[in-house]
Amino acid sequence: MTNFLDKTQWQHLVAGVTGGVVSVLVLHPLDLAKIRLQVNEGTGVIACRPKTTGTIQTLYEIVQCRGLRGLYLGFTPNAIGAGSSWGLYFFFYESLKRFAQRGDKTKSLTTNQYLTFAAFSGVITLSIVNPIWVIKTRLCLQYEKVTKSFPKSQITNPSLVIHSQSTWHALHNLWIHEGFAGLYRGYVPGLFGVSHGAIQFMFYEHFKNSYNTQYRGKSSAVEYLTFSSASKLIAAVITYPYQVIRSRMQDQHRKYDGVTDVIRQLWKILNRS
């Protein structure tokens, strides 16, 4: 057991946490805009929802109402979620790889093994951090003029009228109004999202191993960055739709009857467009 949980696994855990937090620090404003655009019907269905339809316009409106600090609305749960997600993911993934290699780091694994380990690691990680992602979405969707423009008669979710001041306040409100089920909103589409990590790591390992085999040497930092970026882009293009579905299921302004209902509503919006 001591050999299994050696220093390398903990290094991957720390590296994942650090990388996740740093990426959120840099990219959170874009993530905030992305979530708001993912749930925006663009038809005035939700009275409090801004009518913005582009990333720049969304960010501009937030800065107008909240100042530059508004661009980091929901930053804390995002940093906690990204750090813990990537840290745990790397930890479980590398541990499973090391277990399959039985201490021989040079032993090659099959594509199916990489996919299985990546998927298994993703499911465990999602089961732990999903409540944090719900809180992140809820905080990002606390619109600037909600209390003035949204009549109480239209409220479909009691927690809507409460503007949470912190991550823990939001978590408390979610538990009080929606219970355990609320903590796992968007969990099912999140499971589809597990394939994102599986696809990314499959391509990453393929790129890295192919390069090392051809050039018989250890890859440089620039090459690792290239492999990581390329595999991330491929995975993002393939799996992006699940993020839209998850954001809509976690949105406190709408209530859906499951994944199929979200897809049906999205299809109606696309047809109207």
C-alpha atoms as a PDB file:
ATOM      1  CA  MET A   1       0.000   0.000   0.000  1.00  0.00           C
ATOM      2  CA  THR A   2       2.881   2.329   0.803  1.00  0.00           C
ATOM      3  CA  ASN A   3       4.421   1.681  -2.614  1.00  0.00           C
ATOM      4  CA  PHE A   4       1.059   2.201  -4.288  1.00  0.00           C
ATOM      5  CA  LEU A   5       0.558   5.626  -2.729  1.00  0.00           C
ATOM      6  CA  ASP A   6       4.107   6.795  -3.319  1.00  0.00           C
ATOM      7  CA  LYS A   7       5.413  10.323  -3.746  1.00  0.00           C
ATOM      8  CA  THR A   8       4.616  10.405  -7.461  1.00  0.00           C
ATOM      9  CA  GLN A   9       0.870  10.088  -6.880  1.00  0.00           C
ATOM     10  CA  TRP A  10       0.924  12.941  -4.363  1.00  0.00           C
ATOM     11  CA  GLN A  11       2.940  15.061  -6.774  1.00  0.00           C
ATOM     12  CA  HIS A  12       0.232  14.589  -9.403  1.00  0.00           C
ATOM     13  CA  LEU A  13      -2.384  15.551  -6.807  1.00  0.00           C
ATOM     14  CA  VAL A  14      -0.567  18.783  -5.931  1.00  0.00           C
ATOM     15  CA  ALA A  15       0.147  19.553  -9.591  1.00  0.00           C
ATOM     16  CA  GLY A  16      -3.508  19.051 -10.499  1.00  0.00           C
ATOM     17  CA  VAL A  17      -4.734  21.298  -7.678  1.00  0.00           C
ATOM     18  CA  THR A  18      -2.228  24.021  -8.549  1.00  0.00           C
ATOM     19  CA  GLY A  19      -2.938  23.878 -12.268  1.00  0.00           C
ATOM     20  CA  GLY A  20      -6.696  23.950 -11.700  1.00  0.00           C
ATOM     21  CA  VAL A  21      -6.578  26.999  -9.423  1.00  0.00           C
ATOM     22  CA  VAL A  22      -4.184  28.939 -11.666  1.00  0.00           C
ATOM     23  CA  SER A  23      -6.296  28.277 -14.767  1.00  0.00           C
ATOM     24  CA  VAL A  24      -9.427  29.495 -12.961  1.00  0.00           C
ATOM     25  CA  LEU A  25      -7.633  32.634 -11.797  1.00  0.00           C
ATOM     26  CA  VAL A  26      -6.849  33.520 -15.406  1.00  0.00           C
ATOM     27  CA  LEU A  27      -9.959  32.254 -17.212  1.00  0.00           C
ATOM     28  CA  HIS A  28     -12.841  32.689 -14.741  1.00  0.00           C
ATOM     29  CA  PRO A  29     -14.367  35.778 -16.437  1.00  0.00           C
ATOM     30  CA  LEU A  30     -14.741  33.808 -19.671  1.00  0.00           C
ATOM     31  CA  ASP A  31     -16.224  30.887 -17.735  1.00  0.00           C
ATOM     32  CA  LEU A  32     -18.741  33.266 -16.134  1.00  0.00           C
ATOM     33  CA  ALA A  33     -19.797  34.586 -19.538  1.00  0.00           C
ATOM     34  CA  LYS A  34     -19.959  31.047 -20.932  1.00  0.00           C
ATOM     35  CA  ILE A  35     -22.377  29.864 -18.241  1.00  0.00           C
ATOM     36  CA  ARG A  36     -24.647  32.875 -18.697  1.00  0.00           C
ATOM     37  CA  LEU A  37     -24.768  32.366 -22.444  1.00  0.00           C
ATOM     38  CA  GLN A  38     -25.390  28.616 -22.094  1.00  0.00           C
ATOM     39  CA  VAL A  39     -28.646  29.192 -20.189  1.00  0.00           C
ATOM     40  CA  ASN A  40     -29.856  32.251 -22.110  1.00  0.00           C
ATOM     41  CA  GLU A  41     -32.966  31.524 -24.158  1.00  0.00           C
ATOM     42  CA  GLY A  42     -32.750  34.926 -25.831  1.00  0.00           C
ATOM     43  CA  THR A  43     -36.549  35.222 -25.888  1.00  0.00           C
ATOM     44  CA  GLY A  44     -37.355  36.923 -22.588  1.00  0.00           C
ATOM     45  CA  VAL A  45     -38.735  33.713 -21.072  1.00  0.00           C
ATOM     46  CA  ILE A  46     -37.014  34.565 -17.791  1.00  0.00           C
ATOM     47  CA  ALA A  47     -37.649  38.212 -16.925  1.00  0.00           C
ATOM     48  CA  CYS A  48     -34.465  38.699 -14.901  1.00  0.00           C
ATOM     49  CA  ARG A  49     -32.231  37.198 -17.562  1.00  0.00           C
ATOM     50  CA  PRO A  50     -30.056  39.753 -19.413  1.00  0.00           C
ATOM     51  CA  LYS A  51     -30.745  39.849 -23.142  1.00  0.00           C
ATOM     52  CA  THR A  52     -27.043  39.807 -24.046  1.00  0.00           C
ATOM     53  CA  THR A  53     -26.070  37.375 -26.780  1.00  0.00           C
ATOM     54  CA  GLY A  54     -22.286  37.656 -26.958  1.00  0.00           C
ATOM     55  CA  THR A  55     -19.275  37.170 -24.708  1.00  0.00           C
ATOM     56  CA  ILE A  56     -17.989  40.766 -24.862  1.00  0.00           C
ATOM     57  CA  GLN A  57     -21.456  42.235 -24.322  1.00  0.00           C
ATOM     58  CA  THR A  58     -22.048  39.929 -21.346  1.00  0.00           C
ATOM     59  CA  LEU A  59     -18.758  40.866 -19.690  1.00  0.00           C
ATOM     60  CA  TYR A  60     -19.364  44.570 -20.383  1.00  0.00           C
ATOM     61  CA  GLU A  61     -22.776  44.474 -18.704  1.00  0.00           C
ATOM     62  CA  ILE A  62     -21.347  42.727 -15.642  1.00  0.00           C
ATOM     63  CA  VAL A  63     -18.599  45.346 -15.287  1.00  0.00           C
ATOM     64  CA  GLN A  64     -21.147  48.143 -15.690  1.00  0.00           C
ATOM     65  CA  CYS A  65     -23.296  46.812 -12.855  1.00  0.00           C
ATOM     66  CA  ARG A  66     -20.706  45.311 -10.503  1.00  0.00           C
ATOM     67  CA  GLY A  67     -17.342  46.731 -11.505  1.00  0.00           C
ATOM     68  CA  LEU A  68     -14.293  44.616 -12.273  1.00  0.00           C
ATOM     69  CA  ARG A  69     -14.951  42.502  -9.157  1.00  0.00           C
ATOM     70  CA  GLY A  70     -18.099  41.262 -10.858  1.00  0.00           C
ATOM     71  CA  LEU A  71     -15.994  39.361 -13.368  1.00  0.00           C
ATOM     72  CA  TYR A  72     -15.024  37.026 -10.520  1.00  0.00           C
ATOM     73  CA  LEU A  73     -18.545  36.271  -9.343  1.00  0.00           C
ATOM     74  CA  GLY A  74     -18.494  32.581  -8.378  1.00  0.00           C
ATOM     75  CA  PHE A  75     -14.690  32.451  -8.351  1.00  0.00           C
ATOM     76  CA  THR A  76     -14.342  30.686  -4.975  1.00  0.00           C
ATOM     77  CA  PRO A  77     -16.390  27.557  -5.797  1.00  0.00           C
ATOM     78  CA  ASN A  78     -14.838  27.492  -9.270  1.00  0.00           C
ATOM     79  CA  ALA A  79     -11.325  27.520  -7.797  1.00  0.00           C
ATOM     80  CA  ILE A  80     -12.252  24.891  -5.200  1.00  0.00           C
ATOM     81  CA  GLY A  81     -13.981  22.748  -7.818  1.00  0.00           C
ATOM     82  CA  ALA A  82     -11.273  22.999 -10.473  1.00  0.00           C
ATOM     83  CA  GLY A  83      -8.439  22.479  -8.004  1.00  0.00           C
ATOM     84  CA  SER A  84     -10.015  19.494  -6.289  1.00  0.00           C
ATOM     85  CA  SER A  85     -11.300  18.016  -9.570  1.00  0.00           C
ATOM     86  CA  TRP A  86      -7.978  18.056 -11.373  1.00  0.00           C
ATOM     87  CA  GLY A  87      -6.051  17.107  -8.247  1.00  0.00           C
ATOM     88  CA  LEU A  88      -8.267  14.097  -7.509  1.00  0.00           C
ATOM     89  CA  TYR A  89      -8.503  13.173 -11.186  1.00  0.00           C
ATOM     90  CA  PHE A  90      -4.727  13.079 -11.653  1.00  0.00           C
ATOM     91  CA  PHE A  91      -4.309  11.251  -8.354  1.00  0.00           C
ATOM     92  CA  PHE A  92      -6.783   8.474  -9.163  1.00  0.00           C
ATOM     93  CA  TYR A  93      -5.689   8.225 -12.806  1.00  0.00           C
ATOM     94  CA  GLU A  94      -1.976   7.937 -12.044  1.00  0.00           C
ATOM     95  CA  SER A  95      -2.642   5.541  -9.167  1.00  0.00           C
ATOM     96  CA  LEU A  96      -4.631   3.214 -11.422  1.00  0.00           C
ATOM     97  CA  LYS A  97      -1.949   3.402 -14.112  1.00  0.00           C
ATOM     98  CA  ARG A  98       0.777   2.618 -11.603  1.00  0.00           C
ATOM     99  CA  PHE A  99      -1.247  -0.286 -10.218  1.00  0.00           C
ATOM    100  CA  ALA A 100      -1.735  -1.741 -13.728  1.00  0.00           C
ATOM    101  CA  GLN A 101       1.962  -1.328 -14.512  1.00  0.00           C
ATOM    102  CA  ARG A 102       2.870  -3.037 -11.221  1.00  0.00           C
ATOM    103  CA  GLY A 103       5.761  -0.701 -10.586  1.00  0.00           C
ATOM    104  CA  ASP A 104       7.201  -0.855 -14.111  1.00  0.00           C
ATOM    105  CA  LYS A 105       6.826   2.691 -15.484  1.00  0.00           C
ATOM    106  CA  THR A 106       8.046   1.593 -18.919  1.00  0.00           C
ATOM    107  CA  LYS A 107       5.245  -0.945 -19.345  1.00  0.00           C
ATOM    108  CA  SER A 108       2.849   0.109 -22.116  1.00  0.00           C
ATOM    109  CA  LEU A 109      -0.883   0.021 -21.481  1.00  0.00           C
ATOM    110  CA  THR A 110      -3.660  -0.468 -24.004  1.00  0.00           C
ATOM    111  CA  THR A 111      -5.995   2.264 -25.221  1.00  0.00           C
ATOM    112  CA  ASN A 112      -8.888   0.501 -23.470  1.00  0.00           C
ATOM    113  CA  GLN A 113      -6.983   0.599 -20.187  1.00  0.00           C
ATOM    114  CA  TYR A 114      -6.317   4.333 -20.541  1.00  0.00           C
ATOM    115  CA  LEU A 115      -9.997   4.943 -21.313  1.00  0.00           C
ATOM    116  CA  THR A 116     -11.182   2.781 -18.418  1.00  0.00           C
ATOM    117  CA  PHE A 117      -8.867   4.420 -15.889  1.00  0.00           C
ATOM    118  CA  ALA A 118      -9.783   7.909 -17.125  1.00  0.00           C
ATOM    119  CA  ALA A 119     -13.519   7.187 -16.993  1.00  0.00           C
ATOM    120  CA  PHE A 120     -13.346   5.551 -13.562  1.00  0.00           C
ATOM    121  CA  SER A 121     -11.307   8.458 -12.194  1.00  0.00           C
ATOM    122  CA  GLY A 122     -13.800  10.922 -13.660  1.00  0.00           C
ATOM    123  CA  VAL A 123     -16.836   9.243 -12.092  1.00  0.00           C
ATOM    124  CA  ILE A 124     -15.256   9.168  -8.628  1.00  0.00           C
ATOM    125  CA  THR A 125     -14.149  12.788  -8.905  1.00  0.00           C
ATOM    126  CA  LEU A 126     -17.548  13.995 -10.153  1.00  0.00           C
ATOM    127  CA  SER A 127     -19.319  12.195  -7.306  1.00  0.00           C
ATOM    128  CA  ILE A 128     -17.179  14.122  -4.821  1.00  0.00           C
ATOM    129  CA  VAL A 129     -17.229  17.624  -6.333  1.00  0.00           C
ATOM    130  CA  ASN A 130     -20.638  17.911  -8.078  1.00  0.00           C
ATOM    131  CA  PRO A 131     -22.134  19.997  -5.224  1.00  0.00           C
ATOM    132  CA  ILE A 132     -19.371  22.562  -5.731  1.00  0.00           C
ATOM    133  CA  TRP A 133     -20.225  22.842  -9.434  1.00  0.00           C
ATOM    134  CA  VAL A 134     -23.888  23.470  -8.592  1.00  0.00           C
ATOM    135  CA  ILE A 135     -22.874  26.295  -6.243  1.00  0.00           C
ATOM    136  CA  LYS A 136     -20.553  27.754  -8.865  1.00  0.00           C
ATOM    137  CA  THR A 137     -23.356  27.825 -11.450  1.00  0.00           C
ATOM    138  CA  ARG A 138     -25.833  29.350  -8.993  1.00  0.00           C
ATOM    139  CA  LEU A 139     -23.437  32.140  -8.005  1.00  0.00           C
ATOM    140  CA  CYS A 140     -22.551  32.870 -11.629  1.00  0.00           C
ATOM    141  CA  LEU A 141     -26.272  33.186 -12.415  1.00  0.00           C
ATOM    142  CA  GLN A 142     -27.056  35.712  -9.682  1.00  0.00           C
ATOM    143  CA  TYR A 143     -28.085  38.427 -12.086  1.00  0.00           C
ATOM    144  CA  GLU A 144     -27.423  42.077 -11.388  1.00  0.00           C
ATOM    145  CA  LYS A 145     -31.050  43.301 -11.313  1.00  0.00           C
ATOM    146  CA  VAL A 146     -32.913  40.168 -10.275  1.00  0.00           C
ATOM    147  CA  THR A 147     -34.745  41.635  -7.252  1.00  0.00           C
ATOM    148  CA  LYS A 148     -36.129  44.571  -9.273  1.00  0.00           C
ATOM    149  CA  SER A 149     -37.058  42.943 -12.561  1.00  0.00           C
ATOM    150  CA  PHE A 150     -38.302  39.505 -11.543  1.00  0.00           C
ATOM    151  CA  PRO A 151     -41.830  39.398 -10.028  1.00  0.00           C
ATOM    152  CA  LYS A 152     -42.270  36.920  -7.193  1.00  0.00           C
ATOM    153  CA  SER A 153     -45.295  35.492  -8.977  1.00  0.00           C
ATOM    154  CA  GLN A 154     -42.945  34.093 -11.647  1.00  0.00           C
ATOM    155  CA  ILE A 155     -40.542  32.423  -9.232  1.00  0.00           C
ATOM    156  CA  THR A 156     -40.197  28.679  -9.800  1.00  0.00           C
ATOM    157  CA  ASN A 157     -37.424  28.192  -7.246  1.00  0.00           C
ATOM    158  CA  PRO A 158     -37.568  29.688  -3.704  1.00  0.00           C
ATOM    159  CA  SER A 159     -33.796  30.063  -3.523  1.00  0.00           C
ATOM    160  CA  LEU A 160     -33.915  32.502  -6.453  1.00  0.00           C
ATOM    161  CA  VAL A 161     -34.834  35.513  -4.303  1.00  0.00           C
ATOM    162  CA  ILE A 162     -31.888  34.948  -1.943  1.00  0.00           C
ATOM    163  CA  HIS A 163     -28.655  36.481  -3.152  1.00  0.00           C
ATOM    164  CA  SER A 164     -25.947  34.386  -1.561  1.00  0.00           C
ATOM    165  CA  GLN A 165     -23.000  36.350  -0.220  1.00  0.00           C
ATOM    166  CA  SER A 166     -20.559  33.447  -0.130  1.00  0.00           C
ATOM    167  CA  THR A 167     -20.012  29.867  -1.210  1.00  0.00           C
ATOM    168  CA  TRP A 168     -21.088  28.546   2.168  1.00  0.00           C
ATOM    169  CA  HIS A 169     -24.178  30.762   2.223  1.00  0.00           C
ATOM    170  CA  ALA A 170     -25.133  29.437  -1.212  1.00  0.00           C
ATOM    171  CA  LEU A 171     -24.543  25.863  -0.054  1.00  0.00           C
ATOM    172  CA  HIS A 172     -26.762  26.451   2.987  1.00  0.00           C
ATOM    173  CA  ASN A 173     -29.557  27.923   0.839  1.00  0.00           C
ATOM    174  CA  LEU A 174     -29.336  25.032  -1.611  1.00  0.00           C
ATOM    175  CA  TRP A 175     -29.576  22.458   1.179  1.00  0.00           C
ATOM    176  CA  ILE A 176     -32.488  24.233   2.888  1.00  0.00           C
ATOM    177  CA  HIS A 177     -34.588  24.667  -0.253  1.00  0.00           C
ATOM    178  CA  GLU A 178     -33.669  21.623  -2.351  1.00  0.00           C
ATOM    179  CA  GLY A 179     -32.023  19.107  -0.036  1.00  0.00           C
ATOM    180  CA  PHE A 180     -29.686  16.336  -1.142  1.00  0.00           C
ATOM    181  CA  ALA A 181     -31.156  16.217  -4.654  1.00  0.00           C
ATOM    182  CA  GLY A 182     -30.187  19.850  -5.164  1.00  0.00           C
ATOM    183  CA  LEU A 183     -26.539  19.064  -4.475  1.00  0.00           C
ATOM    184  CA  TYR A 184     -26.505  16.647  -7.408  1.00  0.00           C
ATOM    185  CA  ARG A 185     -28.321  18.669 -10.026  1.00  0.00           C
ATOM    186  CA  GLY A 186     -26.625  18.122 -13.362  1.00  0.00           C
ATOM    187  CA  TYR A 187     -24.956  14.920 -12.169  1.00  0.00           C
ATOM    188  CA  VAL A 188     -26.299  12.775 -15.026  1.00  0.00           C
ATOM    189  CA  PRO A 189     -25.044  15.040 -17.844  1.00  0.00           C
ATOM    190  CA  GLY A 190     -21.868  15.348 -15.791  1.00  0.00           C
ATOM    191  CA  LEU A 191     -21.414  11.609 -16.243  1.00  0.00           C
ATOM    192  CA  PHE A 192     -21.459  12.166 -19.994  1.00  0.00           C
ATOM    193  CA  GLY A 193     -18.811  14.779 -19.337  1.00  0.00           C
ATOM    194  CA  VAL A 194     -16.576  12.097 -17.879  1.00  0.00           C
ATOM    195  CA  SER A 195     -15.917  11.149 -21.481  1.00  0.00           C
ATOM    196  CA  HIS A 196     -14.237  14.553 -21.881  1.00  0.00           C
ATOM    197  CA  GLY A 197     -11.427  13.553 -19.564  1.00  0.00           C
ATOM    198  CA  ALA A 198     -11.296  10.069 -21.010  1.00  0.00           C
ATOM    199  CA  ILE A 199     -10.997  11.376 -24.576  1.00  0.00           C
ATOM    200  CA  GLN A 200      -8.481  14.040 -23.564  1.00  0.00           C
ATOM    201  CA  PHE A 201      -6.193  11.619 -21.769  1.00  0.00           C
ATOM    202  CA  MET A 202      -6.499   8.993 -24.479  1.00  0.00           C
ATOM    203  CA  PHE A 203      -5.273  11.484 -27.099  1.00  0.00           C
ATOM    204  CA  TYR A 204      -2.691  12.934 -24.705  1.00  0.00           C
ATOM    205  CA  GLU A 205      -1.173   9.536 -23.972  1.00  0.00           C
ATOM    206  CA  HIS A 206      -1.266   8.659 -27.672  1.00  0.00           C
ATOM    207  CA  PHE A 207       0.526  11.870 -28.689  1.00  0.00           C
ATOM    208  CA  LYS A 208       3.114  11.538 -25.916  1.00  0.00           C
ATOM    209  CA  ASN A 209       3.857   7.854 -26.475  1.00  0.00           C
ATOM    210  CA  SER A 210       4.012   8.228 -30.261  1.00  0.00           C
ATOM    211  CA  TYR A 211       6.450  11.118 -29.948  1.00  0.00           C
ATOM    212  CA  ASN A 212       8.659   9.361 -27.405  1.00  0.00           C
ATOM    213  CA  THR A 213       8.708   6.186 -29.499  1.00  0.00           C
ATOM    214  CA  GLN A 214       9.633   8.013 -32.687  1.00  0.00           C
ATOM    215  CA  TYR A 215      12.289  10.297 -31.203  1.00  0.00           C
ATOM    216  CA  ARG A 216      13.440   8.004 -28.382  1.00  0.00           C
ATOM    217  CA  GLY A 217      13.685  10.745 -25.813  1.00  0.00           C
ATOM    218  CA  LYS A 218      11.793  12.477 -23.041  1.00  0.00           C
ATOM    219  CA  SER A 219       9.427  15.214 -24.207  1.00  0.00           C
ATOM    220  CA  SER A 220      10.176  18.828 -23.311  1.00  0.00           C
ATOM    221  CA  ALA A 221       7.822  21.162 -21.443  1.00  0.00           C
ATOM    222  CA  VAL A 222       6.779  22.813 -24.717  1.00  0.00           C
ATOM    223  CA  GLU A 223       5.953  19.449 -26.255  1.00  0.00           C
ATOM    224  CA  TYR A 224       3.922  18.395 -23.206  1.00  0.00           C
ATOM    225  CA  LEU A 225       2.020  21.685 -23.456  1.00  0.00           C
ATOM    226  CA  THR A 226       1.347  21.031 -27.137  1.00  0.00           C
ATOM    227  CA  PHE A 227       0.096  17.487 -26.468  1.00  0.00           C
ATOM    228  CA  SER A 228      -2.106  18.733 -23.627  1.00  0.00           C
ATOM    229  CA  SER A 229      -3.574  21.635 -25.625  1.00  0.00           C
ATOM    230  CA  ALA A 230      -4.307  19.527 -28.698  1.00  0.00           C
ATOM    231  CA  SER A 231      -5.961  16.743 -26.710  1.00  0.00           C
ATOM    232  CA  LYS A 232      -7.986  19.282 -24.697  1.00  0.00           C
ATOM    233  CA  LEU A 233      -9.242  20.968 -27.866  1.00  0.00           C
ATOM    234  CA  ILE A 234     -10.312  17.672 -29.421  1.00  0.00           C
ATOM    235  CA  ALA A 235     -12.148  16.608 -26.256  1.00  0.00           C
ATOM    236  CA  ALA A 236     -13.847  20.005 -25.871  1.00  0.00           C
ATOM    237  CA  VAL A 237     -15.215  20.003 -29.416  1.00  0.00           C
ATOM    238  CA  ILE A 238     -16.609  16.486 -29.031  1.00  0.00           C
ATOM    239  CA  THR A 239     -18.191  16.868 -25.579  1.00  0.00           C
ATOM    240  CA  TYR A 240     -19.232  20.550 -25.335  1.00  0.00           C
ATOM    241  CA  PRO A 241     -23.019  19.957 -25.605  1.00  0.00           C
ATOM    242  CA  TYR A 242     -23.104  18.209 -22.202  1.00  0.00           C
ATOM    243  CA  GLN A 243     -21.905  21.451 -20.558  1.00  0.00           C
ATOM    244  CA  VAL A 244     -24.918  23.321 -21.923  1.00  0.00           C
ATOM    245  CA  ILE A 245     -27.277  20.663 -20.572  1.00  0.00           C
ATOM    246  CA  ARG A 246     -25.571  20.604 -17.162  1.00  0.00           C
ATOM    247  CA  SER A 247     -25.632  24.397 -16.791  1.00  0.00           C
ATOM    248  CA  ARG A 248     -29.338  24.485 -17.595  1.00  0.00           C
ATOM    249  CA  MET A 249     -30.144  21.747 -15.097  1.00  0.00           C
ATOM    250  CA  GLN A 250     -28.211  23.590 -12.371  1.00  0.00           C
ATOM    251  CA  ASP A 251     -29.808  26.964 -13.178  1.00  0.00           C
ATOM    252  CA  GLN A 252     -31.974  28.198 -10.263  1.00  0.00           C
ATOM    253  CA  HIS A 253     -34.272  30.166 -12.582  1.00  0.00           C
ATOM    254  CA  ARG A 254     -35.693  27.182 -14.452  1.00  0.00           C
ATOM    255  CA  LYS A 255     -36.943  23.751 -13.505  1.00  0.00           C
ATOM    256  CA  TYR A 256     -36.519  20.819 -15.886  1.00  0.00           C
ATOM    257  CA  ASP A 257     -37.839  17.261 -15.707  1.00  0.00           C
ATOM    258  CA  GLY A 258     -34.494  15.671 -16.474  1.00  0.00           C
ATOM    259  CA  VAL A 259     -31.997  15.575 -19.308  1.00  0.00           C
ATOM    260  CA  THR A 260     -34.556  14.738 -22.012  1.00  0.00           C
ATOM    261  CA  ASP A 261     -36.636  17.774 -21.051  1.00  0.00           C
ATOM    262  CA  VAL A 262     -33.583  20.038 -21.383  1.00  0.00           C
ATOM    263  CA  ILE A 263     -32.823  18.615 -24.827  1.00  0.00           C
ATOM    264  CA  ARG A 264     -36.464  19.043 -25.880  1.00  0.00           C
ATOM    265  CA  GLN A 265     -36.510  22.690 -24.750  1.00  0.00           C
ATOM    266  CA  LEU A 266     -33.190  23.372 -26.485  1.00  0.00           C
ATOM    267  CA  TRP A 267     -34.542  21.856 -29.681  1.00  0.00           C
ATOM    268  CA  LYS A 268     -37.545  24.194 -29.545  1.00  0.00           C
ATOM    269  CA  ILE A 269     -35.237  27.195 -29.114  1.00  0.00           C
ATOM    270  CA  LEU A 270     -33.103  26.101 -32.070  1.00  0.00           C
ATOM    271  CA  ASN A 271     -36.186  25.672 -34.240  1.00  0.00           C
ATOM    272  CA  ARG A 272     -37.400  29.164 -33.320  1.00  0.00           C
ATOM    273  CA  SER A 273     -33.988  30.561 -34.197  1.00  0.00           C
END
